[in-house]
Amino acid sequence: MQTTFYTFIKRYVDYDADDPMSRLANTISKDMAFPKQSQDFDEISTYMEQSGAYGRLMTVFDEAWLKYTNI
């Protein structure tokens, strides 16, 4: 079974980095309501679109999702 997106993105957490993937991972890791058990693109992207914290990070999410689905 594939890992959850949350578990995948946690490997990019780096609070000292300023690259887009780390910014996304850092934001997700601080979000207590993020759907941590989900593997569903629609569920995660809808959550992120409805949250005010991810506006500029949505294009990074698309790139991260492609990496996630190719692991």
PDB file of N, CA and C in Angstrom:
ATOM      1  N   MET A   1       0.844  -1.188   0.000  1.00  0.00           N
ATOM      2  CA  MET A   1       0.000   0.000   0.000  1.00  0.00           C
ATOM      3  C   MET A   1       0.886   1.247   0.000  1.00  0.00           C
ATOM      4  N   GLN A   2       0.484   2.218  -0.758  1.00  0.00           N
ATOM      5  CA  GLN A   2       1.243   3.453  -0.858  1.00  0.00           C
ATOM      6  C   GLN A   2       1.094   4.264   0.427  1.00  0.00           C
ATOM      7  N   THR A   3       2.151   4.969   0.750  1.00  0.00           N
ATOM      8  CA  THR A   3       2.142   5.848   1.917  1.00  0.00           C
ATOM      9  C   THR A   3       1.177   7.017   1.698  1.00  0.00           C
ATOM     10  N   THR A   4       0.784   7.667   2.760  1.00  0.00           N
ATOM     11  CA  THR A   4      -0.089   8.829   2.623  1.00  0.00           C
ATOM     12  C   THR A   4       0.708  10.008   2.067  1.00  0.00           C
ATOM     13  N   PHE A   5       0.001  10.984   1.514  1.00  0.00           N
ATOM     14  CA  PHE A   5       0.672  12.177   1.011  1.00  0.00           C
ATOM     15  C   PHE A   5       1.369  12.906   2.154  1.00  0.00           C
ATOM     16  N   TYR A   6       0.740  12.947   3.305  1.00  0.00           N
ATOM     17  CA  TYR A   6       1.325  13.616   4.462  1.00  0.00           C
ATOM     18  C   TYR A   6       2.677  12.998   4.824  1.00  0.00           C
ATOM     19  N   THR A   7       2.743  11.686   4.872  1.00  0.00           N
ATOM     20  CA  THR A   7       4.003  11.008   5.172  1.00  0.00           C
ATOM     21  C   THR A   7       5.042  11.315   4.102  1.00  0.00           C
ATOM     22  N   PHE A   8       4.615  11.319   2.846  1.00  0.00           N
ATOM     23  CA  PHE A   8       5.524  11.643   1.742  1.00  0.00           C
ATOM     24  C   PHE A   8       6.084  13.056   1.885  1.00  0.00           C
ATOM     25  N   ILE A   9       5.231  14.035   2.099  1.00  0.00           N
ATOM     26  CA  ILE A   9       5.668  15.433   2.097  1.00  0.00           C
ATOM     27  C   ILE A   9       6.520  15.766   3.329  1.00  0.00           C
ATOM     28  N   LYS A  10       6.361  15.020   4.417  1.00  0.00           N
ATOM     29  CA  LYS A  10       7.145  15.271   5.627  1.00  0.00           C
ATOM     30  C   LYS A  10       8.642  15.144   5.378  1.00  0.00           C
ATOM     31  N   ARG A  11       9.049  14.369   4.382  1.00  0.00           N
ATOM     32  CA  ARG A  11      10.489  14.234   4.117  1.00  0.00           C
ATOM     33  C   ARG A  11      11.108  15.528   3.588  1.00  0.00           C
ATOM     34  N   TYR A  12      10.283  16.478   3.183  1.00  0.00           N
ATOM     35  CA  TYR A  12      10.770  17.762   2.668  1.00  0.00           C
ATOM     36  C   TYR A  12      10.745  18.876   3.719  1.00  0.00           C
ATOM     37  N   VAL A  13      10.311  18.568   4.922  1.00  0.00           N
ATOM     38  CA  VAL A  13      10.270  19.580   5.979  1.00  0.00           C
ATOM     39  C   VAL A  13      11.696  20.015   6.307  1.00  0.00           C
ATOM     40  N   ASP A  14      11.903  21.314   6.221  1.00  0.00           N
ATOM     41  CA  ASP A  14      13.197  21.912   6.558  1.00  0.00           C
ATOM     42  C   ASP A  14      12.927  23.385   6.840  1.00  0.00           C
ATOM     43  N   TYR A  15      12.852  23.732   8.100  1.00  0.00           N
ATOM     44  CA  TYR A  15      12.471  25.088   8.476  1.00  0.00           C
ATOM     45  C   TYR A  15      13.544  26.133   8.143  1.00  0.00           C
ATOM     46  N   ASP A  16      14.731  25.686   7.796  1.00  0.00           N
ATOM     47  CA  ASP A  16      15.792  26.610   7.399  1.00  0.00           C
ATOM     48  C   ASP A  16      15.840  26.822   5.886  1.00  0.00           C
ATOM     49  N   ALA A  17      15.172  25.976   5.132  1.00  0.00           N
ATOM     50  CA  ALA A  17      15.194  26.067   3.667  1.00  0.00           C
ATOM     51  C   ALA A  17      14.141  27.054   3.183  1.00  0.00           C
ATOM     52  N   ASP A  18      14.350  27.560   1.986  1.00  0.00           N
ATOM     53  CA  ASP A  18      13.404  28.515   1.411  1.00  0.00           C
ATOM     54  C   ASP A  18      12.977  28.090   0.007  1.00  0.00           C
ATOM     55  N   ASP A  19      13.105  26.804  -0.300  1.00  0.00           N
ATOM     56  CA  ASP A  19      12.656  26.327  -1.600  1.00  0.00           C
ATOM     57  C   ASP A  19      11.157  26.025  -1.540  1.00  0.00           C
ATOM     58  N   PRO A  20      10.485  26.016  -2.688  1.00  0.00           N
ATOM     59  CA  PRO A  20       9.029  25.841  -2.699  1.00  0.00           C
ATOM     60  C   PRO A  20       8.546  24.549  -2.033  1.00  0.00           C
ATOM     61  N   MET A  21       9.222  23.431  -2.277  1.00  0.00           N
ATOM     62  CA  MET A  21       8.774  22.160  -1.702  1.00  0.00           C
ATOM     63  C   MET A  21       8.892  22.189  -0.175  1.00  0.00           C
ATOM     64  N   SER A  22       9.944  22.773   0.338  1.00  0.00           N
ATOM     65  CA  SER A  22      10.086  22.889   1.796  1.00  0.00           C
ATOM     66  C   SER A  22       9.038  23.825   2.381  1.00  0.00           C
ATOM     67  N   ARG A  23       8.736  24.919   1.692  1.00  0.00           N
ATOM     68  CA  ARG A  23       7.686  25.823   2.189  1.00  0.00           C
ATOM     69  C   ARG A  23       6.343  25.094   2.268  1.00  0.00           C
ATOM     70  N   LEU A  24       6.028  24.299   1.249  1.00  0.00           N
ATOM     71  CA  LEU A  24       4.786  23.524   1.273  1.00  0.00           C
ATOM     72  C   LEU A  24       4.817  22.524   2.426  1.00  0.00           C
ATOM     73  N   ALA A  25       5.896  21.773   2.538  1.00  0.00           N
ATOM     74  CA  ALA A  25       6.008  20.761   3.593  1.00  0.00           C
ATOM     75  C   ALA A  25       5.946  21.394   4.978  1.00  0.00           C
ATOM     76  N   ASN A  26       6.603  22.525   5.148  1.00  0.00           N
ATOM     77  CA  ASN A  26       6.583  23.205   6.441  1.00  0.00           C
ATOM     78  C   ASN A  26       5.174  23.655   6.803  1.00  0.00           C
ATOM     79  N   THR A  27       4.446  24.185   5.830  1.00  0.00           N
ATOM     80  CA  THR A  27       3.073  24.640   6.074  1.00  0.00           C
ATOM     81  C   THR A  27       2.168  23.468   6.423  1.00  0.00           C
ATOM     82  N   ILE A  28       2.301  22.373   5.682  1.00  0.00           N
ATOM     83  CA  ILE A  28       1.490  21.183   5.951  1.00  0.00           C
ATOM     84  C   ILE A  28       1.805  20.616   7.329  1.00  0.00           C
ATOM     85  N   SER A  29       3.079  20.558   7.682  1.00  0.00           N
ATOM     86  CA  SER A  29       3.453  19.959   8.968  1.00  0.00           C
ATOM     87  C   SER A  29       2.929  20.759  10.162  1.00  0.00           C
ATOM     88  N   LYS A  30       2.707  22.052   9.975  1.00  0.00           N
ATOM     89  CA  LYS A  30       2.176  22.895  11.053  1.00  0.00           C
ATOM     90  C   LYS A  30       0.644  22.904  11.098  1.00  0.00           C
ATOM     91  N   ASP A  31       0.005  22.368  10.066  1.00  0.00           N
ATOM     92  CA  ASP A  31      -1.456  22.401   9.934  1.00  0.00           C
ATOM     93  C   ASP A  31      -2.070  21.203  10.655  1.00  0.00           C
ATOM     94  N   MET A  32      -2.608  21.443  11.819  1.00  0.00           N
ATOM     95  CA  MET A  32      -3.166  20.358  12.634  1.00  0.00           C
ATOM     96  C   MET A  32      -4.402  19.708  12.008  1.00  0.00           C
ATOM     97  N   ALA A  33      -5.097  20.413  11.133  1.00  0.00           N
ATOM     98  CA  ALA A  33      -6.322  19.881  10.537  1.00  0.00           C
ATOM     99  C   ALA A  33      -6.080  19.213   9.173  1.00  0.00           C
ATOM    100  N   PHE A  34      -4.835  19.210   8.698  1.00  0.00           N
ATOM    101  CA  PHE A  34      -4.547  18.616   7.391  1.00  0.00           C
ATOM    102  C   PHE A  34      -4.990  17.151   7.378  1.00  0.00           C
ATOM    103  N   PRO A  35      -5.585  16.682   6.271  1.00  0.00           N
ATOM    104  CA  PRO A  35      -6.046  15.283   6.196  1.00  0.00           C
ATOM    105  C   PRO A  35      -4.865  14.307   6.098  1.00  0.00           C
ATOM    106  N   LYS A  36      -4.278  14.002   7.229  1.00  0.00           N
ATOM    107  CA  LYS A  36      -3.031  13.237   7.299  1.00  0.00           C
ATOM    108  C   LYS A  36      -3.141  11.805   6.784  1.00  0.00           C
ATOM    109  N   GLN A  37      -4.314  11.221   6.822  1.00  0.00           N
ATOM    110  CA  GLN A  37      -4.470   9.826   6.402  1.00  0.00           C
ATOM    111  C   GLN A  37      -4.882   9.671   4.946  1.00  0.00           C
ATOM    112  N   SER A  38      -5.009  10.772   4.242  1.00  0.00           N
ATOM    113  CA  SER A  38      -5.542  10.726   2.884  1.00  0.00           C
ATOM    114  C   SER A  38      -4.483  10.403   1.842  1.00  0.00           C
ATOM    115  N   GLN A  39      -4.940   9.685   0.820  1.00  0.00           N
ATOM    116  CA  GLN A  39      -4.162   9.412  -0.383  1.00  0.00           C
ATOM    117  C   GLN A  39      -4.928   9.921  -1.610  1.00  0.00           C
ATOM    118  N   ASP A  40      -5.964  10.715  -1.362  1.00  0.00           N
ATOM    119  CA  ASP A  40      -6.880  11.154  -2.403  1.00  0.00           C
ATOM    120  C   ASP A  40      -6.598  12.594  -2.833  1.00  0.00           C
ATOM    121  N   PHE A  41      -6.277  12.783  -4.107  1.00  0.00           N
ATOM    122  CA  PHE A  41      -5.949  14.107  -4.634  1.00  0.00           C
ATOM    123  C   PHE A  41      -7.077  15.094  -4.409  1.00  0.00           C
ATOM    124  N   ASP A  42      -8.304  14.695  -4.737  1.00  0.00           N
ATOM    125  CA  ASP A  42      -9.437  15.616  -4.615  1.00  0.00           C
ATOM    126  C   ASP A  42      -9.665  16.057  -3.168  1.00  0.00           C
ATOM    127  N   GLU A  43      -9.587  15.126  -2.247  1.00  0.00           N
ATOM    128  CA  GLU A  43      -9.786  15.464  -0.839  1.00  0.00           C
ATOM    129  C   GLU A  43      -8.718  16.458  -0.359  1.00  0.00           C
ATOM    130  N   ILE A  44      -7.472  16.182  -0.678  1.00  0.00           N
ATOM    131  CA  ILE A  44      -6.377  17.041  -0.210  1.00  0.00           C
ATOM    132  C   ILE A  44      -6.411  18.397  -0.904  1.00  0.00           C
ATOM    133  N   SER A  45      -6.591  18.410  -2.222  1.00  0.00           N
ATOM    134  CA  SER A  45      -6.580  19.690  -2.934  1.00  0.00           C
ATOM    135  C   SER A  45      -7.772  20.556  -2.542  1.00  0.00           C
ATOM    136  N   THR A  46      -8.937  19.949  -2.332  1.00  0.00           N
ATOM    137  CA  THR A  46     -10.102  20.708  -1.883  1.00  0.00           C
ATOM    138  C   THR A  46      -9.835  21.312  -0.504  1.00  0.00           C
ATOM    139  N   TYR A  47      -9.281  20.520   0.384  1.00  0.00           N
ATOM    140  CA  TYR A  47      -8.949  21.037   1.717  1.00  0.00           C
ATOM    141  C   TYR A  47      -8.008  22.233   1.601  1.00  0.00           C
ATOM    142  N   MET A  48      -6.963  22.088   0.797  1.00  0.00           N
ATOM    143  CA  MET A  48      -5.963  23.142   0.668  1.00  0.00           C
ATOM    144  C   MET A  48      -6.545  24.389   0.015  1.00  0.00           C
ATOM    145  N   GLU A  49      -7.412  24.210  -0.979  1.00  0.00           N
ATOM    146  CA  GLU A  49      -8.037  25.352  -1.640  1.00  0.00           C
ATOM    147  C   GLU A  49      -8.951  26.118  -0.695  1.00  0.00           C
ATOM    148  N   GLN A  50      -9.593  25.417   0.226  1.00  0.00           N
ATOM    149  CA  GLN A  50     -10.508  26.056   1.155  1.00  0.00           C
ATOM    150  C   GLN A  50      -9.793  26.672   2.362  1.00  0.00           C
ATOM    151  N   SER A  51      -8.556  26.296   2.548  1.00  0.00           N
ATOM    152  CA  SER A  51      -7.755  26.852   3.637  1.00  0.00           C
ATOM    153  C   SER A  51      -7.043  28.097   3.135  1.00  0.00           C
ATOM    154  N   GLY A  52      -6.931  29.083   3.958  1.00  0.00           N
ATOM    155  CA  GLY A  52      -6.259  30.311   3.559  1.00  0.00           C
ATOM    156  C   GLY A  52      -4.738  30.208   3.532  1.00  0.00           C
ATOM    157  N   ALA A  53      -4.193  29.132   4.054  1.00  0.00           N
ATOM    158  CA  ALA A  53      -2.742  29.016   4.212  1.00  0.00           C
ATOM    159  C   ALA A  53      -1.999  28.564   2.960  1.00  0.00           C
ATOM    160  N   TYR A  54      -2.718  28.086   1.954  1.00  0.00           N
ATOM    161  CA  TYR A  54      -2.043  27.421   0.840  1.00  0.00           C
ATOM    162  C   TYR A  54      -2.149  28.135  -0.502  1.00  0.00           C
ATOM    163  N   GLY A  55      -2.710  29.314  -0.541  1.00  0.00           N
ATOM    164  CA  GLY A  55      -2.968  30.015  -1.798  1.00  0.00           C
ATOM    165  C   GLY A  55      -1.838  29.953  -2.803  1.00  0.00           C
ATOM    166  N   ARG A  56      -0.687  30.461  -2.448  1.00  0.00           N
ATOM    167  CA  ARG A  56       0.453  30.502  -3.364  1.00  0.00           C
ATOM    168  C   ARG A  56       1.132  29.151  -3.535  1.00  0.00           C
ATOM    169  N   LEU A  57       0.820  28.216  -2.678  1.00  0.00           N
ATOM    170  CA  LEU A  57       1.494  26.922  -2.702  1.00  0.00           C
ATOM    171  C   LEU A  57       0.776  25.870  -3.539  1.00  0.00           C
ATOM    172  N   MET A  58      -0.350  26.213  -4.130  1.00  0.00           N
ATOM    173  CA  MET A  58      -1.120  25.215  -4.875  1.00  0.00           C
ATOM    174  C   MET A  58      -0.366  24.691  -6.099  1.00  0.00           C
ATOM    175  N   THR A  59       0.391  25.530  -6.784  1.00  0.00           N
ATOM    176  CA  THR A  59       1.163  25.016  -7.929  1.00  0.00           C
ATOM    177  C   THR A  59       2.270  24.089  -7.443  1.00  0.00           C
ATOM    178  N   VAL A  60       2.829  24.383  -6.289  1.00  0.00           N
ATOM    179  CA  VAL A  60       3.842  23.495  -5.705  1.00  0.00           C
ATOM    180  C   VAL A  60       3.192  22.168  -5.319  1.00  0.00           C
ATOM    181  N   PHE A  61       1.963  22.240  -4.811  1.00  0.00           N
ATOM    182  CA  PHE A  61       1.248  21.011  -4.472  1.00  0.00           C
ATOM    183  C   PHE A  61       1.090  20.125  -5.702  1.00  0.00           C
ATOM    184  N   ASP A  62       0.757  20.708  -6.842  1.00  0.00           N
ATOM    185  CA  ASP A  62       0.615  19.911  -8.063  1.00  0.00           C
ATOM    186  C   ASP A  62       1.912  19.196  -8.407  1.00  0.00           C
ATOM    187  N   GLU A  63       3.029  19.882  -8.276  1.00  0.00           N
ATOM    188  CA  GLU A  63       4.338  19.271  -8.532  1.00  0.00           C
ATOM    189  C   GLU A  63       4.637  18.179  -7.508  1.00  0.00           C
ATOM    190  N   ALA A  64       4.333  18.448  -6.251  1.00  0.00           N
ATOM    191  CA  ALA A  64       4.568  17.465  -5.193  1.00  0.00           C
ATOM    192  C   ALA A  64       3.702  16.231  -5.411  1.00  0.00           C
ATOM    193  N   TRP A  65       2.469  16.424  -5.855  1.00  0.00           N
ATOM    194  CA  TRP A  65       1.578  15.296  -6.090  1.00  0.00           C
ATOM    195  C   TRP A  65       2.135  14.408  -7.207  1.00  0.00           C
ATOM    196  N   LEU A  66       2.693  14.998  -8.244  1.00  0.00           N
ATOM    197  CA  LEU A  66       3.303  14.209  -9.317  1.00  0.00           C
ATOM    198  C   LEU A  66       4.457  13.366  -8.770  1.00  0.00           C
ATOM    199  N   LYS A  67       5.273  13.942  -7.926  1.00  0.00           N
ATOM    200  CA  LYS A  67       6.367  13.184  -7.302  1.00  0.00           C
ATOM    201  C   LYS A  67       5.801  12.075  -6.428  1.00  0.00           C
ATOM    202  N   TYR A  68       4.769  12.391  -5.675  1.00  0.00           N
ATOM    203  CA  TYR A  68       4.142  11.418  -4.780  1.00  0.00           C
ATOM    204  C   TYR A  68       3.588  10.229  -5.556  1.00  0.00           C
ATOM    205  N   THR A  69       2.945  10.483  -6.657  1.00  0.00           N
ATOM    206  CA  THR A  69       2.344   9.393  -7.426  1.00  0.00           C
ATOM    207  C   THR A  69       3.378   8.585  -8.199  1.00  0.00           C
ATOM    208  N   ASN A  70       4.585   9.096  -8.291  1.00  0.00           N
ATOM    209  CA  ASN A  70       5.639   8.379  -9.015  1.00  0.00           C
ATOM    210  C   ASN A  70       6.611   7.662  -8.095  1.00  0.00           C
ATOM    211  N   ILE A  71       6.297   7.582  -6.794  1.00  0.00           N
ATOM    212  CA  ILE A  71       7.198   6.861  -5.882  1.00  0.00           C
ATOM    213  C   ILE A  71       6.869   5.388  -5.890  1.00  0.00           C
TER     214      ILE A  71
END
